[in-house]
N, C-alpha and C. Protein backbone atom coordinates (compact mmCIF):
# COMPACT_ATOMS: atom_id res chain seq x y z
N MET A 1 -50.50 -55.34 67.15
CA MET A 1 -50.76 -54.23 67.30
C MET A 1 -50.69 -53.74 66.99
N ALA A 2 -51.69 -52.32 66.51
CA ALA A 2 -52.48 -51.36 65.59
C ALA A 2 -50.53 -50.26 66.13
N ARG A 3 -50.16 -49.05 65.09
CA ARG A 3 -48.92 -48.23 65.20
C ARG A 3 -49.49 -47.44 65.94
N ALA A 4 -48.78 -46.25 65.95
CA ALA A 4 -49.54 -45.08 66.53
C ALA A 4 -48.99 -44.19 64.94
N LYS A 5 -49.17 -43.23 64.99
CA LYS A 5 -49.39 -42.54 63.70
C LYS A 5 -48.53 -41.19 63.73
N GLN A 6 -47.61 -40.48 63.15
CA GLN A 6 -46.50 -39.52 63.21
C GLN A 6 -48.07 -38.05 62.45
N VAL A 7 -48.47 -37.84 63.98
CA VAL A 7 -49.53 -36.59 63.36
C VAL A 7 -49.18 -35.07 62.98
N GLY A 8 -48.65 -33.76 62.69
CA GLY A 8 -48.30 -32.64 62.77
C GLY A 8 -46.59 -32.38 62.89
N GLY A 9 -45.44 -33.15 62.17
CA GLY A 9 -44.58 -33.75 61.86
C GLY A 9 -44.09 -33.89 63.60
N MET A 10 -44.67 -33.44 64.38
CA MET A 10 -44.40 -35.60 65.87
C MET A 10 -44.00 -36.78 66.24
N GLU A 11 -43.34 -36.83 66.97
CA GLU A 11 -43.30 -38.14 66.69
C GLU A 11 -44.18 -39.07 67.23
N PRO A 12 -44.50 -40.09 67.41
CA PRO A 12 -46.40 -39.88 68.82
C PRO A 12 -44.70 -40.84 69.76
N LEU A 13 -45.47 -40.56 70.94
CA LEU A 13 -44.79 -41.36 72.50
C LEU A 13 -44.51 -42.37 72.65
N PRO A 14 -44.04 -43.01 73.06
CA PRO A 14 -43.89 -44.56 73.00
C PRO A 14 -44.97 -45.79 74.03
N ARG A 15 -45.73 -46.55 73.39
CA ARG A 15 -46.63 -47.47 74.52
C ARG A 15 -45.64 -48.41 75.73
N TYR A 16 -46.01 -48.06 76.99
CA TYR A 16 -45.80 -49.25 78.09
C TYR A 16 -46.52 -50.00 78.25
N THR A 17 -46.24 -51.65 78.69
CA THR A 17 -47.47 -51.48 79.51
C THR A 17 -46.93 -51.61 81.10
N MET A 18 -47.43 -51.53 81.58
CA MET A 18 -47.85 -51.95 83.15
C MET A 18 -46.78 -53.22 84.13
N PRO A 19 -46.02 -53.32 85.30
CA PRO A 19 -45.61 -54.21 85.40
C PRO A 19 -46.06 -54.93 85.86
N ASP A 20 -47.13 -55.12 86.84
CA ASP A 20 -47.66 -56.33 87.51
C ASP A 20 -48.35 -56.91 86.52
N GLU A 21 -48.26 -56.83 84.92
CA GLU A 21 -49.31 -58.12 84.14
C GLU A 21 -47.91 -59.28 83.58
N SER A 22 -46.43 -58.01 83.69
CA SER A 22 -46.15 -58.95 83.25
C SER A 22 -45.57 -60.81 84.11
N GLU A 23 -45.42 -60.80 85.04
CA GLU A 23 -45.07 -62.40 85.94
C GLU A 23 -46.49 -61.98 87.06
N PRO A 24 -47.88 -63.76 86.64
CA PRO A 24 -48.48 -63.15 87.12
C PRO A 24 -47.69 -63.45 88.92
N GLU A 25 -46.47 -64.01 88.70
CA GLU A 25 -46.62 -64.99 90.09
C GLU A 25 -46.69 -63.74 90.97
N TYR A 26 -45.62 -62.25 90.36
CA TYR A 26 -45.51 -61.52 91.65
C TYR A 26 -47.25 -61.31 92.27
N ALA A 27 -47.86 -61.50 91.68
CA ALA A 27 -49.66 -60.79 92.65
C ALA A 27 -49.97 -61.63 94.37
N LEU A 28 -49.07 -63.32 93.99
CA LEU A 28 -49.45 -64.60 95.01
C LEU A 28 -48.91 -63.78 95.92
N ILE A 29 -47.22 -62.85 95.43
CA ILE A 29 -46.02 -64.05 96.51
C ILE A 29 -46.73 -61.69 97.45
N ILE A 30 -47.07 -60.45 96.60
CA ILE A 30 -47.70 -59.88 97.38
C ILE A 30 -48.48 -59.68 98.27
N ASP A 31 -49.21 -60.49 97.43
CA ASP A 31 -50.78 -60.91 99.03
C ASP A 31 -50.07 -61.94 99.62
N GLU A 32 -48.83 -63.38 99.97
CA GLU A 32 -48.31 -63.50 101.10
C GLU A 32 -47.62 -62.58 101.63
N LEU A 33 -46.70 -61.61 100.91
CA LEU A 33 -46.10 -60.66 101.83
C LEU A 33 -47.23 -59.68 102.93
N LEU A 34 -47.98 -59.67 101.74
CA LEU A 34 -48.56 -58.37 103.39
C LEU A 34 -48.92 -58.80 104.83
N GLY A 35 -49.04 -59.62 104.49
CA GLY A 35 -49.57 -60.73 105.62
C GLY A 35 -48.56 -60.41 106.93
N ASP A 36 -47.44 -60.70 106.71
CA ASP A 36 -45.37 -60.95 106.92
C ASP A 36 -45.00 -59.39 107.58
N VAL A 37 -45.55 -59.30 108.42
CA VAL A 37 -44.75 -58.08 109.07
C VAL A 37 -43.47 -57.38 109.29
N LYS A 38 -42.55 -58.62 109.39
CA LYS A 38 -41.22 -58.52 109.52
C LYS A 38 -41.12 -58.34 107.64
N SER A 39 -41.53 -58.86 106.58
CA SER A 39 -41.55 -58.26 105.40
C SER A 39 -40.80 -56.71 105.19
N LEU A 40 -41.65 -56.30 105.64
CA LEU A 40 -42.44 -54.68 105.44
C LEU A 40 -41.38 -54.12 105.77
N ILE A 41 -39.88 -52.82 105.19
CA ILE A 41 -39.27 -52.98 105.07
C ILE A 41 -39.14 -51.11 104.84
N GLY A 42 -38.95 -50.03 105.41
CA GLY A 42 -39.98 -49.30 104.53
C GLY A 42 -41.15 -48.93 103.57
N SER A 43 -40.55 -48.80 102.40
CA SER A 43 -41.44 -48.52 101.79
C SER A 43 -41.56 -49.84 100.89
N SER A 44 -40.54 -50.72 101.12
CA SER A 44 -40.29 -51.96 100.57
C SER A 44 -41.10 -53.84 101.05
N TYR A 45 -41.35 -54.74 100.36
CA TYR A 45 -41.15 -55.65 100.78
C TYR A 45 -40.13 -56.70 99.85
N TYR A 46 -39.38 -57.36 101.71
CA TYR A 46 -38.46 -58.40 101.20
C TYR A 46 -39.38 -60.28 100.54
N TYR A 47 -37.45 -59.94 100.05
CA TYR A 47 -38.10 -62.50 100.43
C TYR A 47 -36.04 -62.77 99.54
N VAL A 48 -36.61 -63.79 99.54
CA VAL A 48 -35.96 -64.06 99.43
C VAL A 48 -36.33 -65.79 97.66
N LYS A 49 -35.42 -65.22 96.36
CA LYS A 49 -35.92 -66.45 95.33
C LYS A 49 -34.46 -67.22 95.05
N GLN A 50 -34.35 -68.39 95.05
CA GLN A 50 -34.00 -69.29 95.02
C GLN A 50 -34.63 -70.67 93.78
N GLU A 51 -32.92 -70.23 92.31
CA GLU A 51 -32.85 -70.50 91.39
C GLU A 51 -31.90 -71.09 92.05
N GLY A 52 -32.19 -73.17 91.40
CA GLY A 52 -31.61 -74.03 91.47
C GLY A 52 -30.42 -73.40 92.41
N GLU A 53 -29.16 -73.37 92.11
CA GLU A 53 -28.17 -72.92 93.33
C GLU A 53 -27.65 -71.83 94.15
N ASP A 54 -28.12 -70.87 93.21
CA ASP A 54 -28.92 -68.95 93.74
C ASP A 54 -29.60 -69.01 94.36
N CYS A 55 -28.84 -67.88 95.68
CA CYS A 55 -29.93 -67.27 96.40
C CYS A 55 -30.02 -66.40 95.37
N TYR A 56 -31.79 -65.65 95.37
CA TYR A 56 -31.36 -64.21 95.72
C TYR A 56 -32.07 -62.93 96.78
N LEU A 57 -32.14 -61.89 97.17
CA LEU A 57 -32.80 -61.41 97.88
C LEU A 57 -33.22 -60.34 97.11
N CYS A 58 -34.89 -59.71 97.09
CA CYS A 58 -35.45 -59.18 96.39
C CYS A 58 -36.73 -58.27 96.83
N ARG A 59 -36.80 -57.08 96.74
CA ARG A 59 -37.78 -56.56 97.26
C ARG A 59 -38.68 -55.72 96.07
N ILE A 60 -39.91 -56.09 96.06
CA ILE A 60 -40.84 -55.50 96.19
C ILE A 60 -41.63 -53.97 96.10
N ILE A 61 -41.32 -52.68 95.75
CA ILE A 61 -41.83 -51.32 95.66
C ILE A 61 -43.01 -50.86 95.32
N HIS A 62 -43.59 -50.79 96.05
CA HIS A 62 -45.49 -49.91 95.50
C HIS A 62 -45.30 -49.22 94.51
N GLY A 63 -45.81 -48.80 94.28
CA GLY A 63 -45.40 -47.63 92.29
C GLY A 63 -46.53 -46.75 92.48
N GLY A 64 -48.25 -47.34 93.02
CA GLY A 64 -49.23 -46.38 93.29
C GLY A 64 -50.13 -47.15 92.51
N GLY A 65 -51.40 -47.53 92.96
CA GLY A 65 -52.13 -48.62 92.84
C GLY A 65 -51.92 -49.57 92.64
N LYS A 66 -52.27 -50.54 91.75
CA LYS A 66 -51.97 -52.11 91.77
C LYS A 66 -50.84 -51.97 90.87
N VAL A 67 -49.06 -50.95 91.25
CA VAL A 67 -47.97 -51.72 90.54
C VAL A 67 -46.61 -51.64 91.38
N TYR A 68 -46.59 -52.63 90.26
CA TYR A 68 -45.18 -52.77 91.78
C TYR A 68 -44.22 -53.34 91.23
N PHE A 69 -43.18 -52.79 91.80
CA PHE A 69 -41.79 -53.22 90.81
C PHE A 69 -40.96 -53.89 91.61
N HIS A 70 -41.01 -55.02 91.17
CA HIS A 70 -39.60 -55.84 91.89
C HIS A 70 -38.11 -55.73 91.39
N GLU A 71 -37.36 -56.16 91.76
CA GLU A 71 -36.00 -55.25 91.71
C GLU A 71 -35.19 -56.91 92.49
N ILE A 72 -33.77 -57.23 92.09
CA ILE A 72 -32.53 -57.72 92.86
C ILE A 72 -31.96 -57.27 93.23
N VAL A 73 -31.77 -57.17 94.44
CA VAL A 73 -30.87 -55.55 95.73
C VAL A 73 -29.78 -56.95 95.46
N ASN A 74 -28.52 -55.89 95.74
CA ASN A 74 -26.84 -55.43 96.38
C ASN A 74 -26.91 -56.53 97.22
N HIS A 75 -26.84 -57.35 97.63
CA HIS A 75 -27.22 -57.42 99.84
C HIS A 75 -26.50 -57.25 99.89
N ALA A 76 -24.94 -57.01 99.30
CA ALA A 76 -23.38 -57.24 100.39
C ALA A 76 -23.59 -55.49 100.39
N GLN A 77 -24.12 -54.73 99.23
CA GLN A 77 -24.19 -53.12 99.85
C GLN A 77 -25.05 -53.11 101.10
N HIS A 78 -25.96 -53.88 101.69
CA HIS A 78 -26.90 -53.83 103.32
C HIS A 78 -26.26 -54.86 103.98
N GLY A 79 -24.37 -55.18 103.98
CA GLY A 79 -24.72 -56.16 105.00
C GLY A 79 -24.81 -57.75 104.42
N ILE A 80 -25.86 -57.99 104.39
CA ILE A 80 -25.84 -59.30 104.32
C ILE A 80 -25.42 -60.37 103.38
N SER A 81 -24.65 -61.25 103.93
CA SER A 81 -23.72 -62.36 103.37
C SER A 81 -24.86 -63.06 102.85
N GLU A 82 -24.28 -64.01 101.74
CA GLU A 82 -24.18 -65.22 101.18
C GLU A 82 -25.07 -66.34 102.12
N GLU A 83 -24.74 -66.73 102.66
CA GLU A 83 -24.69 -67.89 104.03
C GLU A 83 -25.81 -66.86 104.81
N ASP A 84 -26.22 -66.03 104.84
CA ASP A 84 -27.64 -64.95 105.60
C ASP A 84 -28.82 -65.78 104.39
N ILE A 85 -28.72 -65.18 103.02
CA ILE A 85 -29.38 -65.36 102.52
C ILE A 85 -30.03 -67.51 102.24
N GLU A 86 -29.19 -67.41 101.99
CA GLU A 86 -28.86 -69.37 101.90
C GLU A 86 -29.99 -69.44 103.16
N LEU A 87 -29.37 -69.08 105.07
CA LEU A 87 -30.00 -69.64 105.58
C LEU A 87 -31.36 -69.50 106.06
N ALA A 88 -32.50 -68.23 104.81
CA ALA A 88 -33.77 -66.98 104.30
C ALA A 88 -33.78 -69.36 104.00
N THR A 89 -33.64 -70.09 103.26
CA THR A 89 -33.65 -71.15 102.40
C THR A 89 -34.13 -72.45 103.43
N LYS A 90 -33.64 -72.39 104.09
CA LYS A 90 -33.56 -73.84 105.04
C LYS A 90 -34.62 -73.59 105.86
N ILE A 91 -35.20 -72.62 106.63
CA ILE A 91 -35.53 -72.22 108.14
C ILE A 91 -37.25 -72.75 107.59
N GLU A 92 -37.69 -73.74 108.58
CA GLU A 92 -39.38 -74.19 108.34
C GLU A 92 -40.26 -73.05 107.75
N THR A 93 -40.36 -72.55 108.53
CA THR A 93 -41.41 -71.02 108.32
C THR A 93 -41.70 -70.10 107.16
N GLY A 94 -40.74 -69.75 106.93
CA GLY A 94 -40.29 -69.30 105.14
C GLY A 94 -40.46 -69.46 104.21
N LYS A 95 -41.08 -70.28 104.51
CA LYS A 95 -41.65 -70.85 102.86
C LYS A 95 -42.85 -70.31 102.45
N LEU A 96 -43.01 -69.34 101.05
CA LEU A 96 -44.29 -69.06 100.54
C LEU A 96 -44.91 -69.85 99.97
N ALA A 97 -45.69 -69.68 99.15
CA ALA A 97 -46.45 -70.84 98.13
C ALA A 97 -45.96 -71.32 96.91
N LEU A 98 -45.44 -70.15 96.48
CA LEU A 98 -44.41 -70.58 95.64
C LEU A 98 -42.72 -71.07 95.83
N PRO A 99 -42.38 -72.14 94.38
CA PRO A 99 -42.04 -73.58 95.50
C PRO A 99 -40.06 -72.33 94.78
N GLY A 100 -39.36 -72.36 95.55
CA GLY A 100 -37.82 -71.48 95.47
C GLY A 100 -38.66 -70.68 96.04
N HIS A 101 -39.37 -69.73 96.64
CA HIS A 101 -39.58 -68.48 97.36
C HIS A 101 -39.46 -68.29 98.64
N TYR A 102 -39.10 -67.53 99.52
CA TYR A 102 -38.81 -66.87 100.82
C TYR A 102 -39.33 -66.31 101.09
N THR A 103 -39.58 -66.09 102.85
CA THR A 103 -39.29 -64.82 103.01
C THR A 103 -37.86 -64.64 103.86
N ILE A 104 -38.20 -63.33 103.95
CA ILE A 104 -36.75 -63.33 104.96
C ILE A 104 -36.69 -63.65 106.06
N SER A 105 -35.02 -64.37 106.64
CA SER A 105 -34.42 -64.39 107.90
C SER A 105 -34.89 -63.64 109.74
N PRO A 106 -35.29 -63.51 109.93
CA PRO A 106 -34.81 -62.27 111.34
C PRO A 106 -33.38 -61.78 111.36
N LEU A 107 -32.33 -62.92 110.70
CA LEU A 107 -31.32 -62.19 110.80
C LEU A 107 -30.98 -61.04 110.00
N ILE A 108 -31.75 -61.50 108.10
CA ILE A 108 -31.92 -60.45 107.18
C ILE A 108 -32.31 -59.69 107.67
N GLU A 109 -34.14 -59.70 108.03
CA GLU A 109 -34.20 -58.63 108.88
C GLU A 109 -34.09 -57.86 109.52
N LYS A 110 -33.64 -58.02 110.89
CA LYS A 110 -32.35 -57.14 111.86
C LYS A 110 -30.98 -56.20 110.87
N LYS A 111 -31.25 -57.03 109.79
CA LYS A 111 -29.57 -55.94 109.07
C LYS A 111 -30.20 -55.14 107.90
N LEU A 112 -31.27 -54.75 107.41
CA LEU A 112 -31.77 -54.27 107.02
C LEU A 112 -32.77 -53.46 106.91
N ARG A 113 -33.59 -53.68 108.77
CA ARG A 113 -34.18 -52.30 109.63
C ARG A 113 -33.17 -51.57 110.17
N ALA A 114 -31.55 -51.66 110.60
CA ALA A 114 -30.55 -51.09 110.45
C ALA A 114 -30.32 -50.46 109.12
N ILE A 115 -29.85 -50.82 108.71
CA ILE A 115 -29.40 -50.01 107.16
C ILE A 115 -30.83 -48.64 107.34
N MET A 116 -32.00 -48.90 107.07
CA MET A 116 -33.15 -48.21 106.47
C MET A 116 -33.13 -46.43 107.44
N GLN A 117 -32.45 -47.28 109.47
CA GLN A 117 -32.96 -46.20 110.78
C GLN A 117 -31.56 -44.99 110.51
N PHE A 118 -29.96 -45.93 109.46
CA PHE A 118 -29.28 -44.55 109.18
C PHE A 118 -29.40 -44.18 107.83
N SER A 119 -30.38 -45.03 107.48
CA SER A 119 -31.14 -44.41 105.31
C SER A 119 -31.28 -42.17 105.45
C-alpha cells in the first residue's frame, strides 16, 4: 500500500477503509433483514448471533450509502435477558441463511419497541 507523504509541514490524514467491505456476511444479513419488518426498530436492524454457547443481540445501523455499522448491543440495558436471547435461537421461523444468525423473537421486538418509544 502506498504511503502518503508529508507536504508543506503538514502530516497527511490517515486513510480508512469502509466497514461494508470488512465482513462479507453482513451483506447477506442485511439483505435478509430488509424483508423482515419486525427486525427494523427505530433506525436499526436487530438480529441474534450465536457463537458456540454464547448468544448476542446485534444491531445494524445505516451509516449512509451502502455503509452499515454493526455492533453487539448491551441487551441488559434494554431489559432483555440472556434467556430472551437464547429463546430467539430456538424459534423455528427465526433462522437466517447464515448458520448461527437468527431474527429477533417477538418478545425481544416488543421490549425494544417499548424502549424506543420512550427514548
